[in-house]
Amino acid sequence: MDLQDYFDFIDDTSIRIKGHRIYIDEVLEEHLKGKAPEEILYCFKNLPLEKIYATLLYYEVNKAEIDAYLQRVRQYHEKSRQEWQATQGPTLAIVEERNRLRKERERLIAEERFHPILDKPAS
């Protein structure tokens, strides 16, 4: 079996592991964080170890090409995140404020300065 037979080459930012909804960049990011193949297996429980090794081997054989691919994927994800933030501005601000208030409430409960059942909410 040829090494490329393990992958579906969709476009310049999408190389998927054949038979799975997992992209090689997801596996390679774990590898680049220093995880061993067996540790990567815990991140992707339905992905056979054979395909993890095939992905790592494909990376090593085509390092320059795959490093460029990973850079394109990172740029695409960053651009998508920025576009999402631009369209979700008000919603994002509400979510951030809610999270800030939740953390403040948890801090007050931990300090025993607020009891969620006995104390009345501020008006």
PDB file of N, CA and C in Angstrom:
ATOM      1  N   MET A   1       0.849  -1.179   0.000  1.00  0.00           N
ATOM      2  CA  MET A   1       0.000   0.000   0.000  1.00  0.00           C
ATOM      3  C   MET A   1       0.895   1.244   0.000  1.00  0.00           C
ATOM      4  N   ASP A   2       0.600   2.164  -0.900  1.00  0.00           N
ATOM      5  CA  ASP A   2       1.343   3.417  -0.974  1.00  0.00           C
ATOM      6  C   ASP A   2       0.941   4.303   0.205  1.00  0.00           C
ATOM      7  N   LEU A   3       1.883   5.061   0.719  1.00  0.00           N
ATOM      8  CA  LEU A   3       1.637   5.903   1.890  1.00  0.00           C
ATOM      9  C   LEU A   3       0.504   6.898   1.643  1.00  0.00           C
ATOM     10  N   GLN A   4       0.411   7.438   0.429  1.00  0.00           N
ATOM     11  CA  GLN A   4      -0.641   8.407   0.119  1.00  0.00           C
ATOM     12  C   GLN A   4      -2.032   7.782   0.120  1.00  0.00           C
ATOM     13  N   ASP A   5      -2.106   6.470   0.023  1.00  0.00           N
ATOM     14  CA  ASP A   5      -3.402   5.791   0.037  1.00  0.00           C
ATOM     15  C   ASP A   5      -4.104   5.904   1.386  1.00  0.00           C
ATOM     16  N   TYR A   6      -3.395   6.318   2.412  1.00  0.00           N
ATOM     17  CA  TYR A   6      -3.990   6.496   3.735  1.00  0.00           C
ATOM     18  C   TYR A   6      -4.771   7.810   3.855  1.00  0.00           C
ATOM     19  N   PHE A   7      -4.666   8.686   2.840  1.00  0.00           N
ATOM     20  CA  PHE A   7      -5.205  10.033   2.982  1.00  0.00           C
ATOM     21  C   PHE A   7      -6.116  10.423   1.831  1.00  0.00           C
ATOM     22  N   ASP A   8      -7.056  11.333   2.140  1.00  0.00           N
ATOM     23  CA  ASP A   8      -7.882  11.983   1.128  1.00  0.00           C
ATOM     24  C   ASP A   8      -7.376  13.414   1.002  1.00  0.00           C
ATOM     25  N   PHE A   9      -6.872  13.767  -0.175  1.00  0.00           N
ATOM     26  CA  PHE A   9      -6.353  15.106  -0.425  1.00  0.00           C
ATOM     27  C   PHE A   9      -7.499  15.945  -0.989  1.00  0.00           C
ATOM     28  N   ILE A  10      -8.107  16.770  -0.126  1.00  0.00           N
ATOM     29  CA  ILE A  10      -9.314  17.507  -0.489  1.00  0.00           C
ATOM     30  C   ILE A  10      -8.968  18.833  -1.162  1.00  0.00           C
ATOM     31  N   ASP A  11      -8.175  19.650  -0.499  1.00  0.00           N
ATOM     32  CA  ASP A  11      -7.685  20.905  -1.073  1.00  0.00           C
ATOM     33  C   ASP A  11      -6.407  21.296  -0.345  1.00  0.00           C
ATOM     34  N   ASP A  12      -5.945  22.534  -0.561  1.00  0.00           N
ATOM     35  CA  ASP A  12      -4.641  22.903  -0.001  1.00  0.00           C
ATOM     36  C   ASP A  12      -4.648  23.133   1.504  1.00  0.00           C
ATOM     37  N   THR A  13      -5.822  23.090   2.141  1.00  0.00           N
ATOM     38  CA  THR A  13      -5.881  23.185   3.608  1.00  0.00           C
ATOM     39  C   THR A  13      -6.633  22.009   4.223  1.00  0.00           C
ATOM     40  N   SER A  14      -6.834  20.949   3.452  1.00  0.00           N
ATOM     41  CA  SER A  14      -7.610  19.811   3.962  1.00  0.00           C
ATOM     42  C   SER A  14      -7.056  18.482   3.453  1.00  0.00           C
ATOM     43  N   ILE A  15      -6.341  17.807   4.327  1.00  0.00           N
ATOM     44  CA  ILE A  15      -5.910  16.432   4.052  1.00  0.00           C
ATOM     45  C   ILE A  15      -6.481  15.587   5.181  1.00  0.00           C
ATOM     46  N   ARG A  16      -7.420  14.728   4.823  1.00  0.00           N
ATOM     47  CA  ARG A  16      -8.101  13.918   5.820  1.00  0.00           C
ATOM     48  C   ARG A  16      -7.554  12.495   5.815  1.00  0.00           C
ATOM     49  N   ILE A  17      -7.572  11.879   6.980  1.00  0.00           N
ATOM     50  CA  ILE A  17      -7.175  10.476   7.087  1.00  0.00           C
ATOM     51  C   ILE A  17      -8.339   9.641   6.566  1.00  0.00           C
ATOM     52  N   LYS A  18      -8.057   8.816   5.582  1.00  0.00           N
ATOM     53  CA  LYS A  18      -9.093   8.055   4.886  1.00  0.00           C
ATOM     54  C   LYS A  18      -9.915   7.212   5.861  1.00  0.00           C
ATOM     55  N   GLY A  19     -11.239   7.306   5.712  1.00  0.00           N
ATOM     56  CA  GLY A  19     -12.145   6.535   6.551  1.00  0.00           C
ATOM     57  C   GLY A  19     -12.475   7.196   7.876  1.00  0.00           C
ATOM     58  N   HIS A  20     -11.978   8.430   8.075  1.00  0.00           N
ATOM     59  CA  HIS A  20     -12.194   9.138   9.340  1.00  0.00           C
ATOM     60  C   HIS A  20     -12.481  10.611   9.065  1.00  0.00           C
ATOM     61  N   ARG A  21     -13.023  11.284  10.039  1.00  0.00           N
ATOM     62  CA  ARG A  21     -13.238  12.728   9.937  1.00  0.00           C
ATOM     63  C   ARG A  21     -12.128  13.479  10.664  1.00  0.00           C
ATOM     64  N   ILE A  22     -10.963  12.943  10.595  1.00  0.00           N
ATOM     65  CA  ILE A  22      -9.803  13.509  11.281  1.00  0.00           C
ATOM     66  C   ILE A  22      -8.812  13.966  10.217  1.00  0.00           C
ATOM     67  N   TYR A  23      -8.363  15.196  10.366  1.00  0.00           N
ATOM     68  CA  TYR A  23      -7.397  15.759   9.428  1.00  0.00           C
ATOM     69  C   TYR A  23      -5.986  15.516   9.946  1.00  0.00           C
ATOM     70  N   ILE A  24      -5.029  15.429   9.018  1.00  0.00           N
ATOM     71  CA  ILE A  24      -3.668  15.128   9.449  1.00  0.00           C
ATOM     72  C   ILE A  24      -3.099  16.236  10.326  1.00  0.00           C
ATOM     73  N   ASP A  25      -3.551  17.473  10.121  1.00  0.00           N
ATOM     74  CA  ASP A  25      -3.028  18.560  10.958  1.00  0.00           C
ATOM     75  C   ASP A  25      -3.403  18.361  12.421  1.00  0.00           C
ATOM     76  N   GLU A  26      -4.549  17.752  12.698  1.00  0.00           N
ATOM     77  CA  GLU A  26      -4.947  17.496  14.084  1.00  0.00           C
ATOM     78  C   GLU A  26      -3.983  16.505  14.746  1.00  0.00           C
ATOM     79  N   VAL A  27      -3.633  15.464  14.015  1.00  0.00           N
ATOM     80  CA  VAL A  27      -2.694  14.461  14.537  1.00  0.00           C
ATOM     81  C   VAL A  27      -1.299  15.067  14.662  1.00  0.00           C
ATOM     82  N   LEU A  28      -0.893  15.813  13.646  1.00  0.00           N
ATOM     83  CA  LEU A  28       0.459  16.377  13.644  1.00  0.00           C
ATOM     84  C   LEU A  28       0.641  17.446  14.716  1.00  0.00           C
ATOM     85  N   GLU A  29      -0.404  18.208  15.022  1.00  0.00           N
ATOM     86  CA  GLU A  29      -0.286  19.207  16.094  1.00  0.00           C
ATOM     87  C   GLU A  29       0.006  18.513  17.425  1.00  0.00           C
ATOM     88  N   GLU A  30      -0.623  17.372  17.662  1.00  0.00           N
ATOM     89  CA  GLU A  30      -0.347  16.609  18.887  1.00  0.00           C
ATOM     90  C   GLU A  30       1.095  16.090  18.870  1.00  0.00           C
ATOM     91  N   HIS A  31       1.528  15.616  17.712  1.00  0.00           N
ATOM     92  CA  HIS A  31       2.909  15.128  17.563  1.00  0.00           C
ATOM     93  C   HIS A  31       3.904  16.257  17.821  1.00  0.00           C
ATOM     94  N   LEU A  32       3.618  17.436  17.282  1.00  0.00           N
ATOM     95  CA  LEU A  32       4.528  18.576  17.439  1.00  0.00           C
ATOM     96  C   LEU A  32       4.540  19.111  18.870  1.00  0.00           C
ATOM     97  N   LYS A  33       3.516  18.775  19.648  1.00  0.00           N
ATOM     98  CA  LYS A  33       3.509  19.121  21.078  1.00  0.00           C
ATOM     99  C   LYS A  33       4.377  18.154  21.877  1.00  0.00           C
ATOM    100  N   GLY A  34       4.880  17.112  21.197  1.00  0.00           N
ATOM    101  CA  GLY A  34       5.766  16.164  21.855  1.00  0.00           C
ATOM    102  C   GLY A  34       5.115  14.861  22.267  1.00  0.00           C
ATOM    103  N   LYS A  35       3.887  14.626  21.837  1.00  0.00           N
ATOM    104  CA  LYS A  35       3.213  13.382  22.215  1.00  0.00           C
ATOM    105  C   LYS A  35       3.709  12.216  21.366  1.00  0.00           C
ATOM    106  N   ALA A  36       3.839  11.071  22.007  1.00  0.00           N
ATOM    107  CA  ALA A  36       4.198   9.829  21.325  1.00  0.00           C
ATOM    108  C   ALA A  36       2.964   9.296  20.593  1.00  0.00           C
ATOM    109  N   PRO A  37       3.153   8.443  19.586  1.00  0.00           N
ATOM    110  CA  PRO A  37       2.007   7.893  18.859  1.00  0.00           C
ATOM    111  C   PRO A  37       0.959   7.249  19.770  1.00  0.00           C
ATOM    112  N   GLU A  38       1.409   6.556  20.796  1.00  0.00           N
ATOM    113  CA  GLU A  38       0.464   5.911  21.710  1.00  0.00           C
ATOM    114  C   GLU A  38      -0.333   6.952  22.502  1.00  0.00           C
ATOM    115  N   GLU A  39       0.270   8.101  22.794  1.00  0.00           N
ATOM    116  CA  GLU A  39      -0.450   9.177  23.480  1.00  0.00           C
ATOM    117  C   GLU A  39      -1.442   9.844  22.533  1.00  0.00           C
ATOM    118  N   ILE A  40      -1.063   9.967  21.275  1.00  0.00           N
ATOM    119  CA  ILE A  40      -1.966  10.537  20.269  1.00  0.00           C
ATOM    120  C   ILE A  40      -3.190   9.651  20.125  1.00  0.00           C
ATOM    121  N   LEU A  41      -3.000   8.355  20.267  1.00  0.00           N
ATOM    122  CA  LEU A  41      -4.104   7.398  20.188  1.00  0.00           C
ATOM    123  C   LEU A  41      -5.196   7.733  21.196  1.00  0.00           C
ATOM    124  N   TYR A  42      -4.817   8.218  22.386  1.00  0.00           N
ATOM    125  CA  TYR A  42      -5.802   8.586  23.400  1.00  0.00           C
ATOM    126  C   TYR A  42      -6.612   9.814  22.992  1.00  0.00           C
ATOM    127  N   CYS A  43      -6.038  10.664  22.142  1.00  0.00           N
ATOM    128  CA  CYS A  43      -6.758  11.847  21.657  1.00  0.00           C
ATOM    129  C   CYS A  43      -7.772  11.478  20.579  1.00  0.00           C
ATOM    130  N   PHE A  44      -7.483  10.434  19.827  1.00  0.00           N
ATOM    131  CA  PHE A  44      -8.321  10.014  18.701  1.00  0.00           C
ATOM    132  C   PHE A  44      -8.596   8.521  18.847  1.00  0.00           C
ATOM    133  N   LYS A  45      -9.496   8.192  19.723  1.00  0.00           N
ATOM    134  CA  LYS A  45      -9.731   6.794  20.110  1.00  0.00           C
ATOM    135  C   LYS A  45     -10.171   5.894  18.955  1.00  0.00           C
ATOM    136  N   ASN A  46     -10.830   6.459  17.943  1.00  0.00           N
ATOM    137  CA  ASN A  46     -11.301   5.639  16.821  1.00  0.00           C
ATOM    138  C   ASN A  46     -10.289   5.540  15.692  1.00  0.00           C
ATOM    139  N   LEU A  47      -9.138   6.154  15.869  1.00  0.00           N
ATOM    140  CA  LEU A  47      -8.109   6.143  14.832  1.00  0.00           C
ATOM    141  C   LEU A  47      -7.095   5.044  15.144  1.00  0.00           C
ATOM    142  N   PRO A  48      -6.947   4.064  14.257  1.00  0.00           N
ATOM    143  CA  PRO A  48      -5.993   2.981  14.519  1.00  0.00           C
ATOM    144  C   PRO A  48      -4.556   3.506  14.601  1.00  0.00           C
ATOM    145  N   LEU A  49      -3.770   2.869  15.424  1.00  0.00           N
ATOM    146  CA  LEU A  49      -2.371   3.247  15.599  1.00  0.00           C
ATOM    147  C   LEU A  49      -1.623   3.202  14.261  1.00  0.00           C
ATOM    148  N   GLU A  50      -1.995   2.272  13.411  1.00  0.00           N
ATOM    149  CA  GLU A  50      -1.375   2.164  12.082  1.00  0.00           C
ATOM    150  C   GLU A  50      -1.512   3.473  11.306  1.00  0.00           C
ATOM    151  N   LYS A  51      -2.681   4.104  11.384  1.00  0.00           N
ATOM    152  CA  LYS A  51      -2.907   5.350  10.639  1.00  0.00           C
ATOM    153  C   LYS A  51      -2.196   6.531  11.292  1.00  0.00           C
ATOM    154  N   ILE A  52      -2.013   6.471  12.590  1.00  0.00           N
ATOM    155  CA  ILE A  52      -1.227   7.510  13.266  1.00  0.00           C
ATOM    156  C   ILE A  52       0.221   7.415  12.793  1.00  0.00           C
ATOM    157  N   TYR A  53       0.766   6.201  12.784  1.00  0.00           N
ATOM    158  CA  TYR A  53       2.135   6.012  12.300  1.00  0.00           C
ATOM    159  C   TYR A  53       2.258   6.403  10.826  1.00  0.00           C
ATOM    160  N   ALA A  54       1.248   6.098  10.016  1.00  0.00           N
ATOM    161  CA  ALA A  54       1.278   6.474   8.596  1.00  0.00           C
ATOM    162  C   ALA A  54       1.313   7.994   8.452  1.00  0.00           C
ATOM    163  N   THR A  55       0.550   8.688   9.285  1.00  0.00           N
ATOM    164  CA  THR A  55       0.535  10.152   9.250  1.00  0.00           C
ATOM    165  C   THR A  55       1.896  10.715   9.634  1.00  0.00           C
ATOM    166  N   LEU A  56       2.483  10.165  10.688  1.00  0.00           N
ATOM    167  CA  LEU A  56       3.795  10.640  11.135  1.00  0.00           C
ATOM    168  C   LEU A  56       4.877  10.339  10.096  1.00  0.00           C
ATOM    169  N   LEU A  57       4.802   9.180   9.478  1.00  0.00           N
ATOM    170  CA  LEU A  57       5.767   8.825   8.441  1.00  0.00           C
ATOM    171  C   LEU A  57       5.608   9.744   7.229  1.00  0.00           C
ATOM    172  N   TYR A  58       4.370   9.996   6.836  1.00  0.00           N
ATOM    173  CA  TYR A  58       4.116  10.903   5.707  1.00  0.00           C
ATOM    174  C   TYR A  58       4.687  12.288   6.008  1.00  0.00           C
ATOM    175  N   TYR A  59       4.553  12.729   7.242  1.00  0.00           N
ATOM    176  CA  TYR A  59       5.111  14.018   7.661  1.00  0.00           C
ATOM    177  C   TYR A  59       6.633  14.009   7.533  1.00  0.00           C
ATOM    178  N   GLU A  60       7.271  12.977   8.034  1.00  0.00           N
ATOM    179  CA  GLU A  60       8.736  12.911   7.995  1.00  0.00           C
ATOM    180  C   GLU A  60       9.262  12.835   6.558  1.00  0.00           C
ATOM    181  N   VAL A  61       8.582  12.103   5.706  1.00  0.00           N
ATOM    182  CA  VAL A  61       9.017  11.947   4.315  1.00  0.00           C
ATOM    183  C   VAL A  61       8.809  13.245   3.525  1.00  0.00           C
ATOM    184  N   ASN A  62       7.756  13.995   3.859  1.00  0.00           N
ATOM    185  CA  ASN A  62       7.392  15.210   3.120  1.00  0.00           C
ATOM    186  C   ASN A  62       7.421  16.437   4.024  1.00  0.00           C
ATOM    187  N   LYS A  63       8.420  16.531   4.867  1.00  0.00           N
ATOM    188  CA  LYS A  63       8.464  17.536   5.935  1.00  0.00           C
ATOM    189  C   LYS A  63       8.266  18.971   5.438  1.00  0.00           C
ATOM    190  N   ALA A  64       9.000  19.388   4.426  1.00  0.00           N
ATOM    191  CA  ALA A  64       8.886  20.775   3.941  1.00  0.00           C
ATOM    192  C   ALA A  64       7.479  21.052   3.414  1.00  0.00           C
ATOM    193  N   GLU A  65       6.955  20.125   2.638  1.00  0.00           N
ATOM    194  CA  GLU A  65       5.616  20.280   2.066  1.00  0.00           C
ATOM    195  C   GLU A  65       4.548  20.312   3.162  1.00  0.00           C
ATOM    196  N   ILE A  66       4.657  19.439   4.140  1.00  0.00           N
ATOM    197  CA  ILE A  66       3.656  19.365   5.208  1.00  0.00           C
ATOM    198  C   ILE A  66       3.796  20.534   6.174  1.00  0.00           C
ATOM    199  N   ASP A  67       5.016  21.016   6.410  1.00  0.00           N
ATOM    200  CA  ASP A  67       5.171  22.221   7.230  1.00  0.00           C
ATOM    201  C   ASP A  67       4.468  23.406   6.571  1.00  0.00           C
ATOM    202  N   ALA A  68       4.584  23.520   5.244  1.00  0.00           N
ATOM    203  CA  ALA A  68       3.879  24.581   4.512  1.00  0.00           C
ATOM    204  C   ALA A  68       2.368  24.382   4.617  1.00  0.00           C
ATOM    205  N   TYR A  69       1.925  23.135   4.504  1.00  0.00           N
ATOM    206  CA  TYR A  69       0.500  22.811   4.664  1.00  0.00           C
ATOM    207  C   TYR A  69       0.007  23.222   6.049  1.00  0.00           C
ATOM    208  N   LEU A  70       0.768  22.887   7.092  1.00  0.00           N
ATOM    209  CA  LEU A  70       0.371  23.238   8.461  1.00  0.00           C
ATOM    210  C   LEU A  70       0.288  24.747   8.629  1.00  0.00           C
ATOM    211  N   GLN A  71       1.192  25.476   8.013  1.00  0.00           N
ATOM    212  CA  GLN A  71       1.159  26.940   8.086  1.00  0.00           C
ATOM    213  C   GLN A  71      -0.098  27.478   7.403  1.00  0.00           C
ATOM    214  N   ARG A  72      -0.450  26.929   6.240  1.00  0.00           N
ATOM    215  CA  ARG A  72      -1.682  27.351   5.549  1.00  0.00           C
ATOM    216  C   ARG A  72      -2.907  27.060   6.402  1.00  0.00           C
ATOM    217  N   VAL A  73      -2.938  25.899   7.039  1.00  0.00           N
ATOM    218  CA  VAL A  73      -4.076  25.528   7.889  1.00  0.00           C
ATOM    219  C   VAL A  73      -4.189  26.489   9.067  1.00  0.00           C
ATOM    220  N   ARG A  74      -3.073  26.807   9.705  1.00  0.00           N
ATOM    221  CA  ARG A  74      -3.090  27.746  10.840  1.00  0.00           C
ATOM    222  C   ARG A  74      -3.588  29.119  10.398  1.00  0.00           C
ATOM    223  N   GLN A  75      -3.122  29.581   9.239  1.00  0.00           N
ATOM    224  CA  GLN A  75      -3.572  30.874   8.723  1.00  0.00           C
ATOM    225  C   GLN A  75      -5.067  30.849   8.420  1.00  0.00           C
ATOM    226  N   TYR A  76      -5.536  29.759   7.832  1.00  0.00           N
ATOM    227  CA  TYR A  76      -6.963  29.620   7.530  1.00  0.00           C
ATOM    228  C   TYR A  76      -7.790  29.638   8.815  1.00  0.00           C
ATOM    229  N   HIS A  77      -7.346  28.920   9.841  1.00  0.00           N
ATOM    230  CA  HIS A  77      -8.075  28.882  11.113  1.00  0.00           C
ATOM    231  C   HIS A  77      -8.087  30.254  11.774  1.00  0.00           C
ATOM    232  N   GLU A  78      -6.965  30.959  11.722  1.00  0.00           N
ATOM    233  CA  GLU A  78      -6.892  32.298  12.315  1.00  0.00           C
ATOM    234  C   GLU A  78      -7.811  33.268  11.570  1.00  0.00           C
ATOM    235  N   LYS A  79      -7.799  33.202  10.244  1.00  0.00           N
ATOM    236  CA  LYS A  79      -8.685  34.061   9.443  1.00  0.00           C
ATOM    237  C   LYS A  79     -10.150  33.756   9.762  1.00  0.00           C
ATOM    238  N   SER A  80     -10.491  32.483   9.865  1.00  0.00           N
ATOM    239  CA  SER A  80     -11.866  32.082  10.191  1.00  0.00           C
ATOM    240  C   SER A  80     -12.266  32.578  11.572  1.00  0.00           C
ATOM    241  N   ARG A  81     -11.342  32.495  12.529  1.00  0.00           N
ATOM    242  CA  ARG A  81     -11.623  32.967  13.884  1.00  0.00           C
ATOM    243  C   ARG A  81     -11.867  34.472  13.886  1.00  0.00           C
ATOM    244  N   GLN A  82     -11.045  35.210  13.148  1.00  0.00           N
ATOM    245  CA  GLN A  82     -11.210  36.658  13.083  1.00  0.00           C
ATOM    246  C   GLN A  82     -12.526  37.040  12.418  1.00  0.00           C
ATOM    247  N   GLU A  83     -12.898  36.331  11.350  1.00  0.00           N
ATOM    248  CA  GLU A  83     -14.176  36.590  10.685  1.00  0.00           C
ATOM    249  C   GLU A  83     -15.334  36.297  11.626  1.00  0.00           C
ATOM    250  N   TRP A  84     -15.229  35.222  12.369  1.00  0.00           N
ATOM    251  CA  TRP A  84     -16.283  34.876  13.321  1.00  0.00           C
ATOM    252  C   TRP A  84     -16.405  35.962  14.382  1.00  0.00           C
ATOM    253  N   GLN A  85     -15.268  36.412  14.907  1.00  0.00           N
ATOM    254  CA  GLN A  85     -15.303  37.454  15.933  1.00  0.00           C
ATOM    255  C   GLN A  85     -15.909  38.736  15.387  1.00  0.00           C
ATOM    256  N   ALA A  86     -15.616  39.075  14.134  1.00  0.00           N
ATOM    257  CA  ALA A  86     -16.158  40.290  13.533  1.00  0.00           C
ATOM    258  C   ALA A  86     -17.676  40.216  13.412  1.00  0.00           C
ATOM    259  N   THR A  87     -18.199  39.048  13.089  1.00  0.00           N
ATOM    260  CA  THR A  87     -19.651  38.914  12.933  1.00  0.00           C
ATOM    261  C   THR A  87     -20.356  38.646  14.256  1.00  0.00           C
ATOM    262  N   GLN A  88     -19.626  38.159  15.244  1.00  0.00           N
ATOM    263  CA  GLN A  88     -20.225  37.812  16.529  1.00  0.00           C
ATOM    264  C   GLN A  88     -19.867  38.816  17.613  1.00  0.00           C
ATOM    265  N   GLY A  89     -19.441  40.010  17.226  1.00  0.00           N
ATOM    266  CA  GLY A  89     -19.001  41.015  18.189  1.00  0.00           C
ATOM    267  C   GLY A  89     -19.922  41.182  19.383  1.00  0.00           C
ATOM    268  N   PRO A  90     -21.193  41.599  19.177  1.00  0.00           N
ATOM    269  CA  PRO A  90     -22.087  41.787  20.327  1.00  0.00           C
ATOM    270  C   PRO A  90     -22.328  40.493  21.101  1.00  0.00           C
ATOM    271  N   THR A  91     -22.515  39.397  20.392  1.00  0.00           N
ATOM    272  CA  THR A  91     -22.739  38.118  21.055  1.00  0.00           C
ATOM    273  C   THR A  91     -21.517  37.725  21.868  1.00  0.00           C
ATOM    274  N   LEU A  92     -20.351  37.914  21.293  1.00  0.00           N
ATOM    275  CA  LEU A  92     -19.112  37.576  21.981  1.00  0.00           C
ATOM    276  C   LEU A  92     -18.955  38.401  23.251  1.00  0.00           C
ATOM    277  N   ALA A  93     -19.291  39.686  23.193  1.00  0.00           N
ATOM    278  CA  ALA A  93     -19.193  40.548  24.379  1.00  0.00           C
ATOM    279  C   ALA A  93     -20.135  40.061  25.477  1.00  0.00           C
ATOM    280  N   ILE A  94     -21.324  39.636  25.101  1.00  0.00           N
ATOM    281  CA  ILE A  94     -22.295  39.125  26.079  1.00  0.00           C
ATOM    282  C   ILE A  94     -21.766  37.844  26.717  1.00  0.00           C
ATOM    283  N   VAL A  95     -21.229  36.951  25.912  1.00  0.00           N
ATOM    284  CA  VAL A  95     -20.684  35.691  26.428  1.00  0.00           C
ATOM    285  C   VAL A  95     -19.520  35.965  27.369  1.00  0.00           C
ATOM    286  N   GLU A  96     -18.637  36.880  26.985  1.00  0.00           N
ATOM    287  CA  GLU A  96     -17.495  37.206  27.844  1.00  0.00           C
ATOM    288  C   GLU A  96     -17.955  37.819  29.163  1.00  0.00           C
ATOM    289  N   GLU A  97     -18.958  38.696  29.129  1.00  0.00           N
ATOM    290  CA  GLU A  97     -19.483  39.307  30.354  1.00  0.00           C
ATOM    291  C   GLU A  97     -20.130  38.246  31.241  1.00  0.00           C
ATOM    292  N   ARG A  98     -20.895  37.337  30.640  1.00  0.00           N
ATOM    293  CA  ARG A  98     -21.515  36.254  31.406  1.00  0.00           C
ATOM    294  C   ARG A  98     -20.447  35.392  32.079  1.00  0.00           C
ATOM    295  N   ASN A  99     -19.388  35.070  31.354  1.00  0.00           N
ATOM    296  CA  ASN A  99     -18.299  34.273  31.932  1.00  0.00           C
ATOM    297  C   ASN A  99     -17.602  35.019  33.058  1.00  0.00           C
ATOM    298  N   ARG A 100     -17.417  36.330  32.896  1.00  0.00           N
ATOM    299  CA  ARG A 100     -16.796  37.133  33.945  1.00  0.00           C
ATOM    300  C   ARG A 100     -17.662  37.129  35.199  1.00  0.00           C
ATOM    301  N   LEU A 101     -18.977  37.311  35.024  1.00  0.00           N
ATOM    302  CA  LEU A 101     -19.892  37.313  36.169  1.00  0.00           C
ATOM    303  C   LEU A 101     -19.940  35.943  36.846  1.00  0.00           C
ATOM    304  N   ARG A 102     -19.906  34.883  36.051  1.00  0.00           N
ATOM    305  CA  ARG A 102     -19.920  33.529  36.610  1.00  0.00           C
ATOM    306  C   ARG A 102     -18.673  33.293  37.464  1.00  0.00           C
ATOM    307  N   LYS A 103     -17.511  33.720  36.972  1.00  0.00           N
ATOM    308  CA  LYS A 103     -16.271  33.560  37.740  1.00  0.00           C
ATOM    309  C   LYS A 103     -16.311  34.384  39.021  1.00  0.00           C
ATOM    310  N   GLU A 104     -16.853  35.590  38.938  1.00  0.00           N
ATOM    311  CA  GLU A 104     -16.970  36.440  40.126  1.00  0.00           C
ATOM    312  C   GLU A 104     -17.891  35.779  41.157  1.00  0.00           C
ATOM    313  N   ARG A 105     -19.001  35.235  40.693  1.00  0.00           N
ATOM    314  CA  ARG A 105     -19.942  34.548  41.591  1.00  0.00           C
ATOM    315  C   ARG A 105     -19.269  33.345  42.255  1.00  0.00           C
ATOM    316  N   GLU A 106     -18.538  32.547  41.470  1.00  0.00           N
ATOM    317  CA  GLU A 106     -17.836  31.383  42.020  1.00  0.00           C
ATOM    318  C   GLU A 106     -16.795  31.808  43.051  1.00  0.00           C
ATOM    319  N   ARG A 107     -16.123  32.927  42.788  1.00  0.00           N
ATOM    320  CA  ARG A 107     -15.129  33.431  43.737  1.00  0.00           C
ATOM    321  C   ARG A 107     -15.805  33.838  45.040  1.00  0.00           C
ATOM    322  N   LEU A 108     -16.937  34.539  44.953  1.00  0.00           N
ATOM    323  CA  LEU A 108     -17.654  34.965  46.158  1.00  0.00           C
ATOM    324  C   LEU A 108     -18.177  33.767  46.946  1.00  0.00           C
ATOM    325  N   ILE A 109     -18.659  32.753  46.252  1.00  0.00           N
ATOM    326  CA  ILE A 109     -19.125  31.536  46.926  1.00  0.00           C
ATOM    327  C   ILE A 109     -17.954  30.855  47.626  1.00  0.00           C
ATOM    328  N   ALA A 110     -16.802  30.764  46.951  1.00  0.00           N
ATOM    329  CA  ALA A 110     -15.620  30.127  47.544  1.00  0.00           C
ATOM    330  C   ALA A 110     -15.142  30.885  48.778  1.00  0.00           C
ATOM    331  N   GLU A 111     -15.271  32.209  48.750  1.00  0.00           N
ATOM    332  CA  GLU A 111     -14.872  33.030  49.900  1.00  0.00           C
ATOM    333  C   GLU A 111     -15.968  33.085  50.967  1.00  0.00           C
ATOM    334  N   GLU A 112     -17.067  32.378  50.708  1.00  0.00           N
ATOM    335  CA  GLU A 112     -18.231  32.331  51.606  1.00  0.00           C
ATOM    336  C   GLU A 112     -18.797  33.720  51.870  1.00  0.00           C
ATOM    337  N   ARG A 113     -18.736  34.578  50.852  1.00  0.00           N
ATOM    338  CA  ARG A 113     -19.320  35.910  50.952  1.00  0.00           C
ATOM    339  C   ARG A 113     -20.673  35.965  50.253  1.00  0.00           C
ATOM    340  N   PHE A 114     -21.054  34.850  49.627  1.00  0.00           N
ATOM    341  CA  PHE A 114     -22.336  34.777  48.932  1.00  0.00           C
ATOM    342  C   PHE A 114     -22.815  33.338  48.982  1.00  0.00           C
ATOM    343  N   HIS A 115     -24.097  33.162  49.302  1.00  0.00           N
ATOM    344  CA  HIS A 115     -24.705  31.828  49.293  1.00  0.00           C
ATOM    345  C   HIS A 115     -25.781  31.841  48.212  1.00  0.00           C
ATOM    346  N   PRO A 116     -25.678  30.957  47.211  1.00  0.00           N
ATOM    347  CA  PRO A 116     -26.592  31.021  46.071  1.00  0.00           C
ATOM    348  C   PRO A 116     -28.061  30.789  46.413  1.00  0.00           C
ATOM    349  N   ILE A 117     -28.354  30.175  47.555  1.00  0.00           N
ATOM    350  CA  ILE A 117     -29.749  29.914  47.921  1.00  0.00           C
ATOM    351  C   ILE A 117     -30.241  30.929  48.942  1.00  0.00           C
ATOM    352  N   LEU A 118     -29.424  31.234  49.932  1.00  0.00           N
ATOM    353  CA  LEU A 118     -29.866  32.091  51.030  1.00  0.00           C
ATOM    354  C   LEU A 118     -29.804  33.580  50.719  1.00  0.00           C
ATOM    355  N   ASP A 119     -28.828  34.006  49.938  1.00  0.00           N
ATOM    356  CA  ASP A 119     -28.685  35.432  49.636  1.00  0.00           C
ATOM    357  C   ASP A 119     -29.593  35.820  48.482  1.00  0.00           C
ATOM    358  N   LYS A 120     -30.105  37.050  48.566  1.00  0.00           N
ATOM    359  CA  LYS A 120     -30.951  37.562  47.490  1.00  0.00           C
ATOM    360  C   LYS A 120     -30.046  38.135  46.400  1.00  0.00           C
ATOM    361  N   PRO A 121     -30.457  37.954  45.143  1.00  0.00           N
ATOM    362  CA  PRO A 121     -29.662  38.534  44.063  1.00  0.00           C
ATOM    363  C   PRO A 121     -29.707  40.056  44.126  1.00  0.00           C
ATOM    364  N   ALA A 122     -28.644  40.677  43.649  1.00  0.00           N
ATOM    365  CA  ALA A 122     -28.599  42.147  43.626  1.00  0.00           C
ATOM    366  C   ALA A 122     -29.622  42.655  42.627  1.00  0.00           C
ATOM    367  N   SER A 123     -30.260  43.801  42.966  1.00  0.00           N
ATOM    368  CA  SER A 123     -31.254  44.339  42.035  1.00  0.00           C
ATOM    369  C   SER A 123     -30.675  45.434  41.193  1.00  0.00           C
TER     370      SER A 123
END
